[in-house]
Amino acid sequence: MSSKEIEKILVDSGAFLEGHFKLTSGKHSKYYIEKIKLIQRPEDVVKIGRAFARKCNHLDFDVVVSPALGAIVLGYEVAKQMGKRFVFTQRIENKMSIRSGFDLQPYEKVLIIEDVTTTGGSVFEVIDCVKEREADIVGVGLVVDRSGGAIDFRVPVFPLLTLKIEAYEPDECPLCKVNIPITKPGSSDKK
């Protein structure tokens, strides 16, 4: 699946929004990708899972790990299509943790699957969580990398779509300066 096809899925599902948005990172942007719109369409989730399966088929790993909430469905689909186990993380008392009931052993190899990243904050939290378990991270798959490829996760990265979308600190936001009302869509329970 090409990056144009991924972009079309985002547009067709209503996931690609334009306005003035406060991102999970706290930064502001003219564009927002409402990932929940993406996972409402199971046929698109299957297509994205298939795209990751093709892009990551050369990797040797045991388990897919995804952060709650939006990436759970995507990570599960990748694990299903690649015949791997699936684990998800969630924030407990502001710290990313493996969800109770899931196992992740020190010898296991992990592929992290995330939906959208701007600063990489959630992915870095998942990386730290996996490293605490002494598991080995073989790569990070991203549906959309909003940073234009600027984030260094120190492991191989496999984006399906790379965009360079400006994100501004609140005090430097040109949209705030012209008094465009801001919206804070979605929620990651990140404080």
N, C-alpha and C. Protein backbone atom coordinates (compact mmCIF):
# COMPACT_ATOMS: atom_id res chain seq x y z
N MET A 1 0.84 -1.17 0.00
CA MET A 1 0.00 0.00 0.00
C MET A 1 0.89 1.24 0.00
N SER A 2 0.63 2.13 -0.91
CA SER A 2 1.46 3.34 -1.04
C SER A 2 1.04 4.38 -0.01
N SER A 3 1.92 5.36 0.20
CA SER A 3 1.59 6.46 1.12
C SER A 3 0.37 7.24 0.63
N LYS A 4 0.19 7.33 -0.69
CA LYS A 4 -1.00 8.01 -1.24
C LYS A 4 -2.27 7.26 -0.87
N GLU A 5 -2.19 5.93 -0.85
CA GLU A 5 -3.36 5.13 -0.46
C GLU A 5 -3.68 5.31 1.03
N ILE A 6 -2.65 5.40 1.85
CA ILE A 6 -2.86 5.66 3.28
C ILE A 6 -3.49 7.04 3.46
N GLU A 7 -2.97 8.02 2.75
CA GLU A 7 -3.51 9.37 2.82
C GLU A 7 -4.99 9.39 2.39
N LYS A 8 -5.31 8.64 1.36
CA LYS A 8 -6.70 8.56 0.88
C LYS A 8 -7.61 7.95 1.95
N ILE A 9 -7.13 6.92 2.63
CA ILE A 9 -7.91 6.31 3.71
C ILE A 9 -8.19 7.35 4.80
N LEU A 10 -7.18 8.14 5.15
CA LEU A 10 -7.36 9.18 6.17
C LEU A 10 -8.38 10.22 5.75
N VAL A 11 -8.31 10.65 4.51
CA VAL A 11 -9.25 11.65 4.00
C VAL A 11 -10.65 11.06 3.89
N ASP A 12 -10.77 9.89 3.29
CA ASP A 12 -12.09 9.26 3.09
C ASP A 12 -12.79 8.94 4.40
N SER A 13 -12.03 8.61 5.43
CA SER A 13 -12.63 8.26 6.72
C SER A 13 -12.99 9.49 7.55
N GLY A 14 -12.56 10.67 7.09
CA GLY A 14 -12.79 11.89 7.85
C GLY A 14 -11.78 12.09 8.96
N ALA A 15 -10.67 11.35 8.90
CA ALA A 15 -9.66 11.42 9.94
C ALA A 15 -8.72 12.62 9.78
N PHE A 16 -8.60 13.15 8.59
CA PHE A 16 -7.67 14.26 8.34
C PHE A 16 -8.45 15.57 8.47
N LEU A 17 -8.16 16.33 9.53
CA LEU A 17 -8.92 17.54 9.85
C LEU A 17 -8.06 18.79 9.72
N GLU A 18 -8.70 19.90 9.38
CA GLU A 18 -8.03 21.20 9.30
C GLU A 18 -8.74 22.16 10.22
N GLY A 19 -7.97 22.96 10.97
CA GLY A 19 -8.53 23.93 11.91
C GLY A 19 -7.42 24.45 12.81
N HIS A 20 -7.67 24.50 14.12
CA HIS A 20 -6.68 24.91 15.13
C HIS A 20 -6.81 23.92 16.27
N PHE A 21 -5.78 23.10 16.46
CA PHE A 21 -5.88 21.97 17.38
C PHE A 21 -4.78 21.99 18.43
N LYS A 22 -5.14 21.59 19.65
CA LYS A 22 -4.16 21.34 20.69
C LYS A 22 -3.88 19.84 20.67
N LEU A 23 -2.63 19.49 20.42
CA LEU A 23 -2.23 18.09 20.31
C LEU A 23 -1.94 17.50 21.69
N THR A 24 -1.85 16.18 21.75
CA THR A 24 -1.53 15.48 23.00
C THR A 24 -0.22 16.00 23.59
N SER A 25 0.71 16.37 22.72
CA SER A 25 2.01 16.87 23.15
C SER A 25 1.92 18.24 23.82
N GLY A 26 0.76 18.91 23.68
CA GLY A 26 0.60 20.28 24.18
C GLY A 26 0.84 21.31 23.10
N LYS A 27 1.45 20.89 22.00
CA LYS A 27 1.69 21.81 20.89
C LYS A 27 0.40 22.07 20.12
N HIS A 28 0.42 23.11 19.30
CA HIS A 28 -0.73 23.47 18.48
C HIS A 28 -0.42 23.18 17.02
N SER A 29 -1.47 22.91 16.23
CA SER A 29 -1.29 22.62 14.81
C SER A 29 -2.53 23.02 14.02
N LYS A 30 -2.31 23.30 12.75
CA LYS A 30 -3.42 23.59 11.83
C LYS A 30 -4.10 22.31 11.37
N TYR A 31 -3.40 21.18 11.50
CA TYR A 31 -3.93 19.90 11.03
C TYR A 31 -3.94 18.88 12.17
N TYR A 32 -4.93 18.01 12.11
CA TYR A 32 -5.05 16.96 13.13
C TYR A 32 -5.51 15.68 12.44
N ILE A 33 -4.99 14.57 12.90
CA ILE A 33 -5.42 13.28 12.38
C ILE A 33 -6.22 12.60 13.48
N GLU A 34 -7.52 12.52 13.28
CA GLU A 34 -8.44 11.93 14.25
C GLU A 34 -8.45 10.42 14.04
N LYS A 35 -7.52 9.76 14.71
CA LYS A 35 -7.30 8.33 14.50
C LYS A 35 -8.52 7.47 14.81
N ILE A 36 -9.39 7.95 15.69
CA ILE A 36 -10.60 7.19 16.01
C ILE A 36 -11.46 7.01 14.76
N LYS A 37 -11.48 8.01 13.89
CA LYS A 37 -12.23 7.89 12.63
C LYS A 37 -11.67 6.74 11.80
N LEU A 38 -10.38 6.57 11.86
CA LEU A 38 -9.71 5.52 11.10
C LEU A 38 -10.13 4.13 11.56
N ILE A 39 -10.19 3.92 12.87
CA ILE A 39 -10.47 2.57 13.35
C ILE A 39 -11.96 2.24 13.39
N GLN A 40 -12.82 3.20 13.02
CA GLN A 40 -14.25 2.92 12.92
C GLN A 40 -14.57 2.10 11.68
N ARG A 41 -13.63 2.03 10.77
CA ARG A 41 -13.85 1.31 9.52
C ARG A 41 -12.97 0.07 9.48
N PRO A 42 -13.53 -1.08 9.87
CA PRO A 42 -12.72 -2.31 9.95
C PRO A 42 -11.99 -2.64 8.65
N GLU A 43 -12.59 -2.35 7.50
CA GLU A 43 -11.91 -2.66 6.24
C GLU A 43 -10.62 -1.86 6.10
N ASP A 44 -10.59 -0.64 6.63
CA ASP A 44 -9.36 0.16 6.59
C ASP A 44 -8.33 -0.36 7.57
N VAL A 45 -8.78 -0.82 8.73
CA VAL A 45 -7.86 -1.41 9.72
C VAL A 45 -7.18 -2.64 9.12
N VAL A 46 -7.94 -3.45 8.40
CA VAL A 46 -7.37 -4.64 7.75
C VAL A 46 -6.33 -4.21 6.71
N LYS A 47 -6.64 -3.18 5.92
CA LYS A 47 -5.69 -2.70 4.90
C LYS A 47 -4.41 -2.19 5.55
N ILE A 48 -4.54 -1.45 6.65
CA ILE A 48 -3.36 -0.92 7.34
C ILE A 48 -2.56 -2.07 7.95
N GLY A 49 -3.24 -3.04 8.54
CA GLY A 49 -2.55 -4.22 9.07
C GLY A 49 -1.77 -4.94 7.99
N ARG A 50 -2.38 -5.07 6.81
CA ARG A 50 -1.73 -5.73 5.68
C ARG A 50 -0.50 -4.92 5.22
N ALA A 51 -0.63 -3.59 5.22
CA ALA A 51 0.50 -2.74 4.81
C ALA A 51 1.67 -2.91 5.77
N PHE A 52 1.40 -2.95 7.08
CA PHE A 52 2.47 -3.18 8.04
C PHE A 52 3.05 -4.59 7.89
N ALA A 53 2.21 -5.57 7.66
CA ALA A 53 2.69 -6.95 7.49
C ALA A 53 3.67 -7.03 6.33
N ARG A 54 3.37 -6.32 5.25
CA ARG A 54 4.30 -6.31 4.09
C ARG A 54 5.57 -5.54 4.40
N LYS A 55 5.41 -4.39 5.06
CA LYS A 55 6.56 -3.53 5.34
C LYS A 55 7.50 -4.14 6.38
N CYS A 56 6.96 -4.94 7.28
CA CYS A 56 7.75 -5.47 8.40
C CYS A 56 7.98 -6.97 8.32
N ASN A 57 7.69 -7.57 7.17
CA ASN A 57 7.78 -9.04 7.06
C ASN A 57 9.21 -9.56 7.19
N HIS A 58 10.19 -8.71 7.02
CA HIS A 58 11.59 -9.14 7.14
C HIS A 58 12.09 -9.14 8.59
N LEU A 59 11.27 -8.61 9.51
CA LEU A 59 11.70 -8.49 10.90
C LEU A 59 11.47 -9.80 11.66
N ASP A 60 12.38 -10.11 12.55
CA ASP A 60 12.26 -11.28 13.43
C ASP A 60 11.78 -10.76 14.78
N PHE A 61 10.52 -11.04 15.12
CA PHE A 61 9.98 -10.59 16.40
C PHE A 61 8.92 -11.57 16.89
N ASP A 62 8.60 -11.44 18.19
CA ASP A 62 7.67 -12.35 18.85
C ASP A 62 6.32 -11.72 19.14
N VAL A 63 6.32 -10.43 19.42
CA VAL A 63 5.12 -9.79 19.95
C VAL A 63 5.00 -8.35 19.43
N VAL A 64 3.76 -7.94 19.18
CA VAL A 64 3.45 -6.55 18.84
C VAL A 64 2.98 -5.87 20.11
N VAL A 65 3.53 -4.69 20.38
CA VAL A 65 3.12 -3.89 21.54
C VAL A 65 2.62 -2.55 21.02
N SER A 66 1.43 -2.14 21.51
CA SER A 66 0.84 -0.86 21.11
C SER A 66 0.34 -0.12 22.34
N PRO A 67 0.42 1.21 22.30
CA PRO A 67 -0.13 1.99 23.41
C PRO A 67 -1.64 2.14 23.30
N ALA A 68 -2.30 2.16 24.47
CA ALA A 68 -3.73 2.42 24.50
C ALA A 68 -3.94 3.90 24.15
N LEU A 69 -4.92 4.19 23.50
CA LEU A 69 -6.10 3.47 23.21
C LEU A 69 -6.22 3.22 21.70
N GLY A 70 -6.00 4.27 20.91
CA GLY A 70 -6.23 4.17 19.48
C GLY A 70 -5.40 3.13 18.75
N ALA A 71 -4.19 2.89 19.20
CA ALA A 71 -3.31 1.97 18.48
C ALA A 71 -3.58 0.51 18.82
N ILE A 72 -4.42 0.25 19.80
CA ILE A 72 -4.70 -1.14 20.19
C ILE A 72 -5.27 -1.93 19.01
N VAL A 73 -6.27 -1.38 18.37
CA VAL A 73 -6.92 -2.09 17.26
C VAL A 73 -5.93 -2.32 16.12
N LEU A 74 -5.12 -1.32 15.82
CA LEU A 74 -4.15 -1.43 14.72
C LEU A 74 -3.06 -2.45 15.06
N GLY A 75 -2.52 -2.37 16.27
CA GLY A 75 -1.49 -3.32 16.69
C GLY A 75 -2.01 -4.74 16.71
N TYR A 76 -3.24 -4.92 17.19
CA TYR A 76 -3.85 -6.25 17.22
C TYR A 76 -3.97 -6.81 15.80
N GLU A 77 -4.40 -5.96 14.87
CA GLU A 77 -4.56 -6.42 13.48
C GLU A 77 -3.21 -6.82 12.87
N VAL A 78 -2.17 -6.05 13.15
CA VAL A 78 -0.83 -6.40 12.66
C VAL A 78 -0.41 -7.75 13.24
N ALA A 79 -0.59 -7.92 14.56
CA ALA A 79 -0.23 -9.19 15.20
C ALA A 79 -1.01 -10.35 14.59
N LYS A 80 -2.30 -10.15 14.36
CA LYS A 80 -3.14 -11.20 13.78
C LYS A 80 -2.64 -11.58 12.39
N GLN A 81 -2.39 -10.57 11.56
CA GLN A 81 -1.97 -10.86 10.19
C GLN A 81 -0.58 -11.48 10.11
N MET A 82 0.27 -11.19 11.11
CA MET A 82 1.63 -11.72 11.09
C MET A 82 1.80 -12.95 11.97
N GLY A 83 0.72 -13.40 12.61
CA GLY A 83 0.79 -14.59 13.44
C GLY A 83 1.62 -14.40 14.70
N LYS A 84 1.53 -13.24 15.31
CA LYS A 84 2.32 -12.93 16.51
C LYS A 84 1.39 -12.67 17.70
N ARG A 85 1.97 -12.66 18.89
CA ARG A 85 1.21 -12.27 20.09
C ARG A 85 1.01 -10.76 20.10
N PHE A 86 0.05 -10.33 20.93
CA PHE A 86 -0.24 -8.91 21.05
C PHE A 86 -0.32 -8.52 22.52
N VAL A 87 0.26 -7.36 22.84
CA VAL A 87 0.25 -6.79 24.19
C VAL A 87 -0.02 -5.29 24.03
N PHE A 88 -0.76 -4.71 24.98
CA PHE A 88 -0.86 -3.26 24.93
C PHE A 88 -0.44 -2.64 26.24
N THR A 89 -0.03 -1.37 26.13
CA THR A 89 0.38 -0.59 27.30
C THR A 89 -0.70 0.44 27.60
N GLN A 90 -0.69 0.89 28.84
CA GLN A 90 -1.59 1.96 29.23
C GLN A 90 -0.90 2.77 30.32
N ARG A 91 -1.37 3.99 30.51
CA ARG A 91 -0.80 4.83 31.56
C ARG A 91 -1.49 4.48 32.88
N ILE A 92 -0.67 4.16 33.86
CA ILE A 92 -1.15 3.94 35.22
C ILE A 92 -0.39 4.92 36.10
N GLU A 93 -1.13 5.83 36.72
CA GLU A 93 -0.52 6.89 37.53
C GLU A 93 0.56 7.63 36.74
N ASN A 94 0.19 8.00 35.50
CA ASN A 94 1.05 8.79 34.58
C ASN A 94 2.30 8.07 34.11
N LYS A 95 2.35 6.75 34.25
CA LYS A 95 3.51 5.97 33.76
C LYS A 95 3.02 4.87 32.83
N MET A 96 3.63 4.78 31.66
CA MET A 96 3.25 3.75 30.70
C MET A 96 3.65 2.39 31.25
N SER A 97 2.68 1.47 31.25
CA SER A 97 2.88 0.14 31.83
C SER A 97 2.23 -0.91 30.95
N ILE A 98 2.77 -2.13 31.02
CA ILE A 98 2.13 -3.26 30.34
C ILE A 98 0.80 -3.51 31.03
N ARG A 99 -0.25 -3.66 30.26
CA ARG A 99 -1.58 -3.89 30.80
C ARG A 99 -1.59 -5.15 31.64
N SER A 100 -2.21 -5.07 32.79
CA SER A 100 -2.33 -6.21 33.70
C SER A 100 -2.87 -7.43 32.96
N GLY A 101 -2.26 -8.56 33.20
CA GLY A 101 -2.68 -9.81 32.57
C GLY A 101 -1.85 -10.21 31.36
N PHE A 102 -1.12 -9.24 30.78
CA PHE A 102 -0.26 -9.54 29.64
C PHE A 102 1.14 -9.89 30.13
N ASP A 103 1.81 -10.75 29.38
CA ASP A 103 3.19 -11.12 29.69
C ASP A 103 4.12 -10.55 28.63
N LEU A 104 5.28 -10.10 29.06
CA LEU A 104 6.35 -9.70 28.16
C LEU A 104 7.64 -10.11 28.84
N GLN A 105 8.34 -11.05 28.21
CA GLN A 105 9.52 -11.65 28.81
C GLN A 105 10.80 -10.97 28.30
N PRO A 106 11.87 -11.03 29.11
CA PRO A 106 13.13 -10.38 28.73
C PRO A 106 13.72 -10.85 27.39
N TYR A 107 13.48 -12.08 27.02
CA TYR A 107 14.08 -12.61 25.80
C TYR A 107 13.26 -12.29 24.55
N GLU A 108 12.08 -11.72 24.71
CA GLU A 108 11.21 -11.51 23.55
C GLU A 108 11.61 -10.29 22.72
N LYS A 109 11.33 -10.41 21.43
CA LYS A 109 11.60 -9.34 20.47
C LYS A 109 10.28 -8.66 20.15
N VAL A 110 10.29 -7.32 20.17
CA VAL A 110 9.07 -6.52 20.11
C VAL A 110 9.05 -5.61 18.88
N LEU A 111 7.90 -5.57 18.23
CA LEU A 111 7.60 -4.55 17.23
C LEU A 111 6.53 -3.66 17.84
N ILE A 112 6.82 -2.37 17.95
CA ILE A 112 5.86 -1.40 18.48
C ILE A 112 5.05 -0.85 17.30
N ILE A 113 3.74 -0.82 17.45
CA ILE A 113 2.86 -0.24 16.43
C ILE A 113 2.10 0.92 17.07
N GLU A 114 2.23 2.11 16.47
CA GLU A 114 1.55 3.32 16.93
C GLU A 114 0.78 3.93 15.77
N ASP A 115 -0.27 4.64 16.07
CA ASP A 115 -1.09 5.23 15.02
C ASP A 115 -0.47 6.51 14.47
N VAL A 116 -0.43 7.56 15.25
CA VAL A 116 0.06 8.86 14.79
C VAL A 116 1.06 9.39 15.80
N THR A 117 2.15 9.95 15.32
CA THR A 117 3.12 10.59 16.22
C THR A 117 3.51 11.96 15.69
N THR A 118 3.66 12.88 16.62
CA THR A 118 4.12 14.24 16.30
C THR A 118 5.48 14.47 16.93
N THR A 119 5.57 14.24 18.24
CA THR A 119 6.83 14.41 18.97
C THR A 119 7.45 13.06 19.35
N GLY A 120 6.66 12.00 19.26
CA GLY A 120 7.14 10.67 19.63
C GLY A 120 6.99 10.36 21.10
N GLY A 121 6.36 11.25 21.86
CA GLY A 121 6.26 11.07 23.31
C GLY A 121 5.71 9.74 23.75
N SER A 122 4.58 9.33 23.18
CA SER A 122 3.97 8.05 23.59
C SER A 122 4.85 6.87 23.20
N VAL A 123 5.47 6.94 22.03
CA VAL A 123 6.35 5.86 21.59
C VAL A 123 7.56 5.75 22.51
N PHE A 124 8.14 6.89 22.89
CA PHE A 124 9.27 6.84 23.82
C PHE A 124 8.85 6.23 25.16
N GLU A 125 7.63 6.51 25.60
CA GLU A 125 7.12 5.90 26.83
C GLU A 125 7.00 4.39 26.69
N VAL A 126 6.51 3.93 25.54
CA VAL A 126 6.39 2.49 25.30
C VAL A 126 7.78 1.86 25.23
N ILE A 127 8.71 2.52 24.55
CA ILE A 127 10.08 2.02 24.48
C ILE A 127 10.65 1.83 25.88
N ASP A 128 10.49 2.85 26.74
CA ASP A 128 11.00 2.74 28.12
C ASP A 128 10.33 1.59 28.86
N CYS A 129 9.04 1.43 28.67
CA CYS A 129 8.28 0.36 29.32
C CYS A 129 8.80 -1.02 28.89
N VAL A 130 9.01 -1.18 27.59
CA VAL A 130 9.51 -2.45 27.06
C VAL A 130 10.94 -2.71 27.55
N LYS A 131 11.76 -1.68 27.58
CA LYS A 131 13.14 -1.84 28.05
C LYS A 131 13.19 -2.21 29.53
N GLU A 132 12.23 -1.69 30.32
CA GLU A 132 12.17 -2.07 31.74
C GLU A 132 11.95 -3.58 31.89
N ARG A 133 11.26 -4.17 30.93
CA ARG A 133 11.03 -5.62 30.94
C ARG A 133 12.19 -6.38 30.32
N GLU A 134 13.21 -5.63 29.85
CA GLU A 134 14.41 -6.17 29.23
C GLU A 134 14.13 -6.93 27.94
N ALA A 135 13.04 -6.57 27.28
CA ALA A 135 12.75 -7.13 25.96
C ALA A 135 13.49 -6.30 24.92
N ASP A 136 13.64 -6.85 23.72
CA ASP A 136 14.41 -6.22 22.65
C ASP A 136 13.45 -5.62 21.62
N ILE A 137 13.62 -4.34 21.31
CA ILE A 137 12.77 -3.67 20.33
C ILE A 137 13.43 -3.76 18.96
N VAL A 138 12.71 -4.35 18.00
CA VAL A 138 13.27 -4.51 16.66
C VAL A 138 12.83 -3.38 15.72
N GLY A 139 11.79 -2.63 16.12
CA GLY A 139 11.33 -1.53 15.27
C GLY A 139 10.06 -0.90 15.78
N VAL A 140 9.75 0.23 15.16
CA VAL A 140 8.53 0.98 15.45
C VAL A 140 7.79 1.19 14.14
N GLY A 141 6.54 0.75 14.08
CA GLY A 141 5.69 1.01 12.92
C GLY A 141 4.73 2.14 13.24
N LEU A 142 4.64 3.11 12.34
CA LEU A 142 3.76 4.27 12.52
C LEU A 142 2.80 4.36 11.35
N VAL A 143 1.52 4.52 11.62
CA VAL A 143 0.60 4.78 10.51
C VAL A 143 0.96 6.13 9.91
N VAL A 144 1.08 7.16 10.76
CA VAL A 144 1.45 8.50 10.28
C VAL A 144 2.55 9.07 11.16
N ASP A 145 3.64 9.47 10.54
CA ASP A 145 4.70 10.21 11.21
C ASP A 145 4.54 11.67 10.81
N ARG A 146 3.97 12.48 11.72
CA ARG A 146 3.74 13.91 11.44
C ARG A 146 5.02 14.73 11.50
N SER A 147 6.11 14.15 11.98
CA SER A 147 7.36 14.90 12.17
C SER A 147 8.19 15.01 10.89
N GLY A 148 7.76 14.35 9.83
CA GLY A 148 8.55 14.35 8.61
C GLY A 148 9.79 13.48 8.71
N GLY A 149 9.80 12.56 9.66
CA GLY A 149 10.96 11.67 9.82
C GLY A 149 12.02 12.23 10.75
N ALA A 150 11.70 13.28 11.49
CA ALA A 150 12.69 13.95 12.33
C ALA A 150 12.96 13.28 13.66
N ILE A 151 12.10 12.35 14.09
CA ILE A 151 12.25 11.74 15.41
C ILE A 151 13.21 10.55 15.33
N ASP A 152 14.17 10.52 16.25
CA ASP A 152 15.12 9.41 16.32
C ASP A 152 14.76 8.52 17.50
N PHE A 153 14.11 7.40 17.21
CA PHE A 153 13.73 6.45 18.25
C PHE A 153 14.87 5.50 18.59
N ARG A 154 15.96 5.58 17.88
CA ARG A 154 17.15 4.74 18.08
C ARG A 154 16.89 3.26 17.77
N VAL A 155 15.83 3.02 17.01
CA VAL A 155 15.52 1.70 16.46
C VAL A 155 14.97 1.97 15.05
N PRO A 156 14.94 0.97 14.19
CA PRO A 156 14.37 1.19 12.85
C PRO A 156 12.90 1.62 12.94
N VAL A 157 12.52 2.55 12.07
CA VAL A 157 11.16 3.08 12.04
C VAL A 157 10.54 2.76 10.68
N PHE A 158 9.27 2.32 10.72
CA PHE A 158 8.56 1.92 9.51
C PHE A 158 7.24 2.69 9.41
N PRO A 159 7.30 3.92 8.87
CA PRO A 159 6.06 4.69 8.72
C PRO A 159 5.33 4.30 7.44
N LEU A 160 4.00 4.29 7.51
CA LEU A 160 3.22 4.08 6.29
C LEU A 160 3.03 5.39 5.56
N LEU A 161 2.99 6.49 6.31
CA LEU A 161 2.84 7.82 5.72
C LEU A 161 3.67 8.80 6.54
N THR A 162 4.52 9.55 5.86
CA THR A 162 5.34 10.57 6.52
C THR A 162 4.90 11.93 6.02
N LEU A 163 4.53 12.78 6.96
CA LEU A 163 4.11 14.14 6.64
C LEU A 163 4.94 15.11 7.48
N LYS A 164 5.20 16.27 6.94
CA LYS A 164 5.85 17.33 7.72
C LYS A 164 4.77 18.35 8.03
N ILE A 165 4.12 18.17 9.18
CA ILE A 165 3.06 19.06 9.60
C ILE A 165 3.59 19.89 10.76
N GLU A 166 3.56 21.19 10.58
CA GLU A 166 4.06 22.09 11.62
C GLU A 166 3.26 21.93 12.90
N ALA A 167 3.97 21.92 14.00
CA ALA A 167 3.37 21.93 15.34
C ALA A 167 4.10 23.03 16.11
N TYR A 168 3.33 23.87 16.79
CA TYR A 168 3.88 25.06 17.42
C TYR A 168 3.74 25.01 18.94
N GLU A 169 4.73 25.57 19.62
CA GLU A 169 4.56 25.81 21.04
C GLU A 169 3.42 26.82 21.18
N PRO A 170 2.60 26.70 22.22
CA PRO A 170 1.44 27.60 22.35
C PRO A 170 1.79 29.09 22.24
N ASP A 171 2.90 29.51 22.83
CA ASP A 171 3.24 30.94 22.79
C ASP A 171 3.82 31.39 21.45
N GLU A 172 4.04 30.45 20.53
CA GLU A 172 4.55 30.78 19.20
C GLU A 172 3.54 30.46 18.10
N CYS A 173 2.34 30.05 18.47
CA CYS A 173 1.35 29.58 17.50
C CYS A 173 0.75 30.73 16.70
N PRO A 174 0.91 30.71 15.36
CA PRO A 174 0.34 31.77 14.53
C PRO A 174 -1.19 31.75 14.52
N LEU A 175 -1.79 30.62 14.78
CA LEU A 175 -3.25 30.51 14.82
C LEU A 175 -3.80 31.20 16.08
N CYS A 176 -3.08 31.07 17.19
CA CYS A 176 -3.47 31.77 18.41
C CYS A 176 -3.35 33.28 18.23
N LYS A 177 -2.30 33.69 17.52
CA LYS A 177 -2.05 35.13 17.33
C LYS A 177 -3.15 35.83 16.54
N VAL A 178 -3.89 35.06 15.72
CA VAL A 178 -5.00 35.65 14.97
C VAL A 178 -6.35 35.21 15.56
N ASN A 179 -6.30 34.73 16.82
CA ASN A 179 -7.50 34.39 17.59
C ASN A 179 -8.43 33.35 16.95
N ILE A 180 -7.85 32.37 16.27
CA ILE A 180 -8.65 31.26 15.76
C ILE A 180 -8.95 30.34 16.95
N PRO A 181 -10.22 30.04 17.20
CA PRO A 181 -10.56 29.17 18.34
C PRO A 181 -9.86 27.81 18.23
N ILE A 182 -9.44 27.31 19.40
CA ILE A 182 -8.70 26.05 19.45
C ILE A 182 -9.62 24.91 19.90
N THR A 183 -9.33 23.72 19.37
CA THR A 183 -10.06 22.51 19.72
C THR A 183 -9.05 21.50 20.24
N LYS A 184 -9.43 20.75 21.28
CA LYS A 184 -8.58 19.66 21.76
C LYS A 184 -9.31 18.35 21.51
N PRO A 185 -9.11 17.77 20.32
CA PRO A 185 -9.78 16.51 20.00
C PRO A 185 -9.10 15.32 20.66
N GLY A 186 -9.80 14.21 20.69
CA GLY A 186 -9.21 12.96 21.18
C GLY A 186 -8.78 13.05 22.62
N SER A 187 -8.25 11.95 23.12
CA SER A 187 -7.74 11.91 24.49
C SER A 187 -6.84 10.70 24.63
N SER A 188 -5.67 10.91 25.23
CA SER A 188 -4.75 9.80 25.45
C SER A 188 -4.51 9.56 26.93
N ASP A 189 -5.24 10.28 27.79
CA ASP A 189 -5.05 10.22 29.23
C ASP A 189 -3.66 10.66 29.64
N LYS A 190 -2.97 11.37 28.75
CA LYS A 190 -1.65 11.88 29.08
C LYS A 190 -1.82 13.21 29.78
N LYS A 191 -1.18 13.37 30.88
CA LYS A 191 -1.30 14.61 31.68
C LYS A 191 -0.25 15.59 31.26
